[in-house]
Protein backbone atom coordinates (compact mmCIF):
# COMPACT_ATOMS: atom_id res chain seq x y z
CA MET A 1 109.68 103.32 112.94
CA SER A 2 106.03 104.90 114.21
CA ASP A 3 105.58 106.45 117.91
CA LEU A 4 102.85 103.46 118.58
CA ALA A 5 105.83 101.03 117.57
CA ILE A 6 107.56 102.33 120.22
CA ARG A 7 105.68 102.34 122.12
CA HIS A 8 105.00 98.65 122.29
CA ALA A 9 108.50 98.54 121.75
CA LEU A 10 109.42 99.84 125.22
CA GLU A 11 106.21 97.99 127.01
CA LEU A 12 107.73 94.10 126.09
CA LEU A 13 110.82 95.63 127.49
CA ARG A 14 109.76 96.78 130.77
CA GLY A 15 110.78 94.50 133.63
CA LYS A 16 113.12 92.45 131.18
CA ARG A 17 116.90 91.88 132.61
CA ILE A 18 118.97 92.29 129.20
CA ALA A 19 122.33 91.66 129.13
CA VAL A 20 124.29 93.25 126.78
CA LEU A 21 127.40 91.12 125.73
CA TYR A 22 130.28 93.02 124.52
CA GLY A 23 134.10 91.30 124.68
CA PRO A 24 136.89 90.51 122.98
CA VAL A 25 136.37 87.10 121.73
CA SER A 26 137.26 88.00 118.36
CA GLU A 27 140.65 89.78 117.19
CA GLU A 28 138.27 91.91 115.59
CA ASP A 29 137.04 93.08 118.71
CA ASP A 30 139.65 92.73 120.16
CA LEU A 31 141.86 95.30 118.12
CA TYR A 32 138.57 98.16 118.61
CA MET A 33 138.52 97.64 121.96
CA ARG A 34 142.02 98.29 121.81
CA ASN A 35 142.17 101.33 119.46
CA VAL A 36 139.43 103.49 120.35
CA PRO A 37 138.44 105.23 123.24
CA ARG A 38 136.17 103.60 126.08
CA GLN A 39 133.52 106.42 125.74
CA GLN A 40 133.35 105.97 122.07
CA TRP A 41 132.69 102.45 122.46
CA SER A 42 129.58 101.07 121.14
CA LEU A 43 129.04 99.37 124.75
CA THR A 44 129.54 102.68 126.34
CA ARG A 45 126.58 104.23 123.90
CA ILE A 46 124.13 101.17 124.09
CA MET A 47 124.50 101.48 128.04
CA VAL A 48 123.80 105.19 128.41
CA THR A 49 120.91 104.61 126.01
CA LEU A 50 118.62 101.82 127.13
CA ALA A 51 119.57 103.22 130.85
CA ASP A 52 117.86 106.52 129.71
CA LEU A 53 115.09 104.38 128.20
CA GLY A 54 114.44 103.45 131.92
CA LEU A 55 115.52 99.85 130.47
CA SER A 56 117.68 97.50 133.11
CA ALA A 57 120.41 96.67 131.06
CA THR A 58 123.78 94.87 132.72
CA HIS A 59 127.18 94.57 130.40
CA LEU A 60 128.28 90.72 130.55
CA ASP A 61 131.52 89.86 129.02
CA PRO A 62 131.46 86.23 127.47
CA THR A 63 134.52 85.65 127.36
CA HIS A 64 134.70 85.26 131.32
CA ARG A 65 134.43 82.02 133.13
CA THR A 66 131.80 82.70 134.41
CA PHE A 67 129.87 84.26 131.47
CA PRO A 68 127.66 80.22 130.89
CA ASP A 69 126.07 81.21 134.38
CA GLU A 70 125.48 84.62 134.55
CA ILE A 71 123.18 84.54 131.45
CA ARG A 72 121.05 82.35 132.65
CA ASP A 73 119.63 84.87 134.62
CA PHE A 74 118.33 87.32 132.33
CA ASP A 75 115.42 87.84 129.94
CA VAL A 76 117.16 88.71 126.52
CA ALA A 77 120.68 89.16 125.47
CA PHE A 78 121.61 92.02 123.23
CA LEU A 79 124.29 90.95 120.71
CA ASN A 80 127.51 93.25 120.19
CA VAL A 81 129.85 90.63 119.45
CA HIS A 82 131.90 90.04 116.49
CA GLY A 83 133.54 87.81 114.37
CA PRO A 84 134.15 83.82 115.07
CA PHE A 85 132.73 83.15 118.27
CA GLY A 86 130.15 86.89 117.92
CA GLU A 87 128.63 85.94 115.48
CA ASP A 88 129.17 83.08 113.51
CA GLY A 89 126.18 81.04 115.15
CA ARG A 90 128.60 79.66 117.74
CA ILE A 91 127.25 81.74 120.92
CA GLN A 92 123.65 82.09 119.30
CA GLY A 93 123.51 78.38 119.38
CA MET A 94 124.46 78.11 123.04
CA LEU A 95 121.78 80.66 124.01
CA ASP A 96 119.24 79.00 122.25
CA TYR A 97 119.83 75.69 123.91
CA LEU A 98 119.62 77.55 127.58
CA SER A 99 116.35 79.64 125.34
CA ILE A 100 117.12 82.68 126.32
CA PRO A 101 116.24 85.56 123.50
CA TYR A 102 118.71 87.16 121.63
CA THR A 103 118.97 90.08 119.05
CA GLY A 104 120.14 89.70 115.41
CA SER A 105 120.21 86.03 113.16
CA GLY A 106 120.60 82.92 114.53
CA VAL A 107 122.96 80.11 113.68
CA LEU A 108 122.39 79.32 110.04
CA ALA A 109 122.18 83.04 109.03
CA GLY A 110 125.60 84.07 111.58
CA SER A 111 127.61 80.72 110.52
CA ILE A 112 127.09 81.21 106.41
CA GLY A 113 127.68 85.26 106.89
CA MET A 114 131.14 84.66 108.84
CA ASP A 115 132.30 82.69 105.98
CA LYS A 116 132.85 84.48 102.20
CA LEU A 117 133.16 81.83 100.34
CA ALA A 118 129.74 80.80 101.60
CA ASN A 119 128.43 84.49 100.63
CA LYS A 120 130.06 84.14 97.80
CA ALA A 121 127.91 80.70 96.92
CA VAL A 122 124.56 82.58 98.30
CA PHE A 123 125.23 85.65 96.71
CA SER A 124 125.55 83.56 93.34
CA TYR A 125 122.22 81.36 93.71
CA LEU A 126 119.93 84.51 94.17
CA GLY A 127 121.78 86.12 90.84
CA MET A 128 123.60 88.75 92.19
CA ALA A 129 126.72 89.78 90.51
CA VAL A 130 129.90 88.68 92.89
CA PRO A 131 133.86 89.17 91.78
CA ARG A 132 135.90 86.19 90.87
CA GLY A 133 137.37 84.06 94.10
CA LEU A 134 140.03 81.68 94.31
CA PRO A 135 140.53 79.10 97.27
CA ILE A 136 143.97 78.88 98.45
CA LEU A 137 144.26 74.88 99.66
CA LYS A 138 145.86 74.17 103.48
CA SER A 139 148.62 73.53 102.41
CA GLY A 140 149.43 76.40 100.65
CA HIS A 141 149.78 75.95 97.15
CA PHE A 142 148.88 77.83 94.82
CA THR A 143 148.85 78.62 91.29
CA ALA A 144 147.04 81.63 89.95
CA PRO A 145 145.24 80.60 86.44
CA SER A 146 146.92 82.98 83.82
CA ASP A 147 143.51 84.86 83.46
CA PHE A 148 143.04 85.93 87.05
CA PRO A 149 143.36 89.36 87.70
CA PHE A 150 145.92 91.29 89.65
CA PRO A 151 145.63 93.09 91.67
CA ALA A 152 144.02 91.15 93.89
CA MET A 153 141.99 90.88 97.61
CA LEU A 154 144.02 87.98 99.59
CA LYS A 155 141.15 87.46 101.89
CA ALA A 156 140.89 85.54 105.25
CA VAL A 157 137.30 83.25 105.09
CA ASP A 158 136.06 84.39 108.72
CA GLY A 159 137.77 87.61 108.42
CA GLY A 160 135.82 90.64 109.97
CA SER A 161 135.84 94.42 109.55
CA SER A 162 138.04 93.98 107.43
CA VAL A 163 140.67 92.38 109.75
CA GLY A 164 142.40 89.23 107.92
CA MET A 165 142.59 91.12 104.12
CA GLU A 166 145.70 92.27 101.67
CA LEU A 167 146.38 93.91 98.64
CA VAL A 168 148.46 92.04 96.66
CA GLU A 169 149.93 93.27 93.21
CA SER A 170 150.84 90.18 91.49
CA ALA A 171 151.26 86.42 91.96
CA ALA A 172 154.40 86.70 92.67
CA ASP A 173 153.26 88.78 95.57
CA VAL A 174 150.93 85.91 97.76
CA PRO A 175 153.32 83.41 98.89
CA VAL A 176 154.17 86.12 101.68
CA ALA A 177 150.84 87.46 102.27
CA VAL A 178 149.54 83.79 102.80
CA GLU A 179 152.50 83.88 105.57
CA ARG A 180 151.70 86.66 107.21
CA LEU A 181 147.91 86.06 107.49
CA ASN A 182 148.62 82.20 108.46
CA GLY A 183 151.03 83.93 111.15
CA ARG A 184 148.27 85.78 112.11
CA GLY A 185 146.00 82.59 113.16
CA PHE A 186 144.19 82.98 109.09
CA GLN A 187 144.18 79.59 107.98
CA ARG A 188 141.40 79.35 105.34
CA LEU A 189 141.94 82.09 102.58
CA PHE A 190 140.85 82.92 99.30
CA LEU A 191 142.03 85.33 96.41
CA GLU A 192 139.25 87.80 94.93
CA GLU A 193 139.35 89.54 92.09
CA PHE A 194 139.80 93.19 93.08
CA ILE A 195 137.13 95.63 91.82
CA HIS A 196 138.04 99.08 90.88
CA GLY A 197 135.05 101.16 92.21
CA ARG A 198 133.32 102.85 94.86
CA SER A 199 132.70 101.20 98.08
CA THR A 200 128.86 100.68 99.30
CA THR A 201 126.91 99.35 101.98
CA VAL A 202 122.69 98.30 101.67
CA SER A 203 121.64 97.47 105.64
CA VAL A 204 118.27 95.67 106.02
CA LEU A 205 116.46 96.16 109.51
CA GLY A 206 113.67 93.67 111.16
CA THR A 207 111.64 94.87 113.63
CA THR A 208 108.25 93.58 115.07
CA SER A 209 106.95 96.48 112.42
CA GLY A 210 108.30 94.96 109.28
CA THR A 211 111.18 94.60 107.41
CA THR A 212 112.99 98.25 106.02
CA ILE A 213 115.27 98.77 103.32
CA LEU A 214 118.00 101.31 104.82
CA PRO A 215 119.48 104.29 102.48
CA SER A 216 122.75 102.48 101.16
CA LEU A 217 125.60 104.14 102.18
CA GLU A 218 128.83 105.19 100.20
CA PHE A 219 132.24 105.05 101.95
CA VAL A 220 134.50 107.68 101.33
CA THR A 221 137.96 107.07 102.08
CA GLU A 222 141.34 108.23 101.48
CA SER A 223 142.30 104.76 101.44
CA ALA A 224 143.43 102.38 98.88
CA TYR A 225 140.82 100.27 100.05
CA TYR A 226 138.05 99.96 103.01
CA ASP A 227 140.92 97.94 104.84
CA GLU A 228 140.94 97.06 108.89
CA THR A 229 142.46 100.43 110.25
CA THR A 230 139.73 101.91 108.25
CA LYS A 231 136.92 100.57 109.64
CA LEU A 232 137.83 99.96 113.03
CA GLY A 233 138.91 103.49 113.82
CA GLY A 234 140.99 104.96 116.10
CA GLU A 235 144.09 107.14 116.26
CA GLY A 236 145.38 107.75 113.08
CA ALA A 237 143.23 105.75 111.32
CA PRO A 238 142.41 106.89 107.89
CA LYS A 239 139.06 109.66 107.83
CA VAL A 240 135.97 107.93 106.30
CA GLU A 241 132.83 109.77 105.32
CA TYR A 242 129.44 107.86 104.94
CA VAL A 243 126.93 109.62 101.97
CA VAL A 244 124.33 108.47 100.84
CA PRO A 245 124.88 108.44 97.06
CA GLU A 246 122.69 110.54 94.99
CA ASP A 247 124.00 109.37 91.15
CA PHE A 248 123.85 105.49 90.69
CA PRO A 249 121.23 104.61 87.65
CA ALA A 250 118.62 103.42 89.23
CA HIS A 251 119.18 99.94 88.07
CA THR A 252 122.56 100.04 90.62
CA VAL A 253 120.41 101.01 93.36
CA LYS A 254 117.82 98.22 92.56
CA ALA A 255 120.19 95.78 91.92
CA MET A 256 121.65 96.33 95.22
CA THR A 257 118.78 96.86 97.33
CA ASP A 258 116.81 94.11 95.97
CA GLY A 259 119.60 91.64 97.04
CA ALA A 260 119.77 92.97 100.03
CA GLU A 261 116.75 92.14 100.70
CA ARG A 262 116.62 88.60 99.16
CA VAL A 263 120.22 87.59 100.93
CA TYR A 264 117.75 88.59 104.55
CA GLU A 265 114.82 86.03 103.67
CA PHE A 266 116.65 83.27 101.78
CA LEU A 267 119.04 83.19 105.11
CA SER A 268 115.77 83.28 107.29
CA CYS A 269 117.92 86.49 109.07
CA ARG A 270 116.44 88.45 111.82
CA GLY A 271 117.44 91.91 113.11
CA ALA A 272 119.53 94.36 111.49
CA ILE A 273 122.26 92.98 108.54
CA ARG A 274 124.84 94.99 106.33
CA VAL A 275 125.37 93.53 102.34
CA ASP A 276 128.76 95.35 101.24
CA PHE A 277 128.84 96.32 97.33
CA VAL A 278 131.53 97.33 95.54
CA VAL A 279 130.17 99.53 92.27
CA ASP A 280 132.09 99.20 89.26
CA GLU A 281 132.14 102.37 86.47
CA THR A 282 129.54 100.29 84.56
CA GLY A 283 127.09 100.55 87.34
CA THR A 284 127.63 96.83 88.14
CA ALA A 285 127.09 96.04 92.15
CA PHE A 286 129.33 93.53 92.94
CA ALA A 287 128.73 91.54 95.95
CA LEU A 288 131.18 91.83 98.32
CA GLU A 289 129.60 90.24 102.03
CA VAL A 290 126.97 90.00 104.35
CA ASN A 291 127.39 91.15 108.24
CA THR A 292 124.87 89.63 110.04
CA THR A 293 125.66 91.64 113.08
CA PRO A 294 126.39 95.35 112.18
CA GLY A 295 128.29 97.34 114.94
CA LEU A 296 126.35 99.90 116.43
CA GLN A 297 129.12 102.85 117.10
CA GLU A 298 127.37 106.04 117.00
CA HIS A 299 128.25 106.64 113.64
CA SER A 300 128.64 103.05 112.01
CA ASN A 301 127.14 102.31 109.10
CA LEU A 302 124.04 100.41 110.19
CA PRO A 303 123.38 103.77 112.82
CA VAL A 304 123.80 106.25 110.38
CA SER A 305 121.91 104.48 107.45
CA CYS A 306 118.78 104.70 110.27
CA ALA A 307 119.29 108.01 110.41
CA HIS A 308 118.64 108.40 107.29
CA ALA A 309 115.53 107.02 107.53
CA GLY A 310 114.66 108.49 110.23
CA ILE A 311 114.87 106.08 113.26
CA SER A 312 117.23 107.04 116.17
CA TYR A 313 119.54 105.11 117.85
CA ALA A 314 117.00 104.60 120.67
CA GLU A 315 114.35 103.31 118.38
CA LEU A 316 116.83 100.84 116.38
CA LEU A 317 118.08 99.45 119.52
CA THR A 318 114.65 99.12 121.16
CA GLY A 319 113.14 97.31 117.72
CA LEU A 320 116.07 94.74 117.89
CA LEU A 321 115.60 94.04 121.45
CA ALA A 322 111.99 93.96 120.78
CA GLN A 323 111.96 91.43 118.23
CA ALA A 324 114.39 89.24 119.98
CA LEU A 325 111.62 88.74 122.43
CA ALA A 326 108.62 88.70 120.09
CA GLU A 327 109.79 85.53 118.06
CA ALA A 328 111.60 83.87 120.56
CA ARG A 329 111.29 80.07 120.29
CA PRO A 330 112.35 78.40 123.93
CA ALA A 331 113.67 74.84 123.41
CA PRO A 332 110.99 72.06 122.77
CA TRP A 333 111.78 70.81 126.14
CA VAL A 334 111.76 74.24 128.08
CA THR A 335 107.91 74.68 129.53
CA SER A 336 106.41 78.13 130.36
C-alpha cells in the first residue's frame, strides 16, 4: 500500500465504530484460544494496532447471546473468526441481512472455501492440479479402489487449521480413523492422496488500491505434515518456519500464483485469501484448499507474506477495513 492509500484508509475509518469479532465459534478457534497465551492471540495484536492508529474498536464475541443486538451498534465488523460459524458464510449472511459491512469474502466464497470437496471441484474446473480424492459415505461404508495410493490423508470436509485430519498408512486403518474423527463431531469425511512434497501457500490481498499476489511461503516443519498442533501453536508444538522459497522452477511459481489469482476472481473474494499447495519432486503444485479468512497472529502466514511484500501489519488491517466500507452493499430494503 502507498502512503496515499493508507491516509485514504484512515480517513474512511475515522469516527467509525469497529467491532472486532473473535470467540470460540468452532473447534479450530476454541483449540487456538486454549493453547495459545492470551497475550499472543491475534485479537490482542489487532486491538492494540487499531488503538495505536487512533481508531475506535471493540471486541465482540459472536458466541454470546447478546451478540445479535450488540453488533447493530457498529459501522463495520472485522472478522477474526474461523471454521464453521466463523468463515463458512453463516455469520457473513447475518451481517449482510443487517447491512453491516465486514472484512473478507462474502457468503458464496466463504461457504465454498469451508468445504474441501467444493474446493477440489473449483480447482479442477480452473485447470489446477489436485490430489486424488475419495468421499466416504455417511454410513461409514468404505472400499478403497485397488489403485488408490496409500498412505493417504483422511480429512474432515469442513475442518480448518488441519483440525479433523489424520494420516492413514493403509486401507485397513481407515475405519478406526473415521470413528475417531466422527467422535470429534466430524461427519463428512474424505480420503485424499498424500503427496510427498513441500507445503506452500500463496496469499492474495484485495484492498481499495487493487489486488496484490503476495510472495509464496513454504512451511518448514519437523512434523510429517503440517498438522493442527503445528498450525495452532502453543506450548510443546513442533517448530515451524515460514520461508520464501527461492528454488522453485518458474513454471511452479506461475502455477501457484496464477491459480491463487484465478480462485480469488472466480469466487468473487474480497479482502485476503490463502491457497495452500504441496509441490512434489517434479515441481507440480497440487492445490489443497482455499482459506477465505486467514489467521492474523503476527507470525501467521498472511502477515508474514505481507511483510515480505513491504506491507506492515497496520497497513494490512486498515486496508481490509477500508475495503469493507468502500465496497459495502446495503440490503435492498435499507435506505440511507
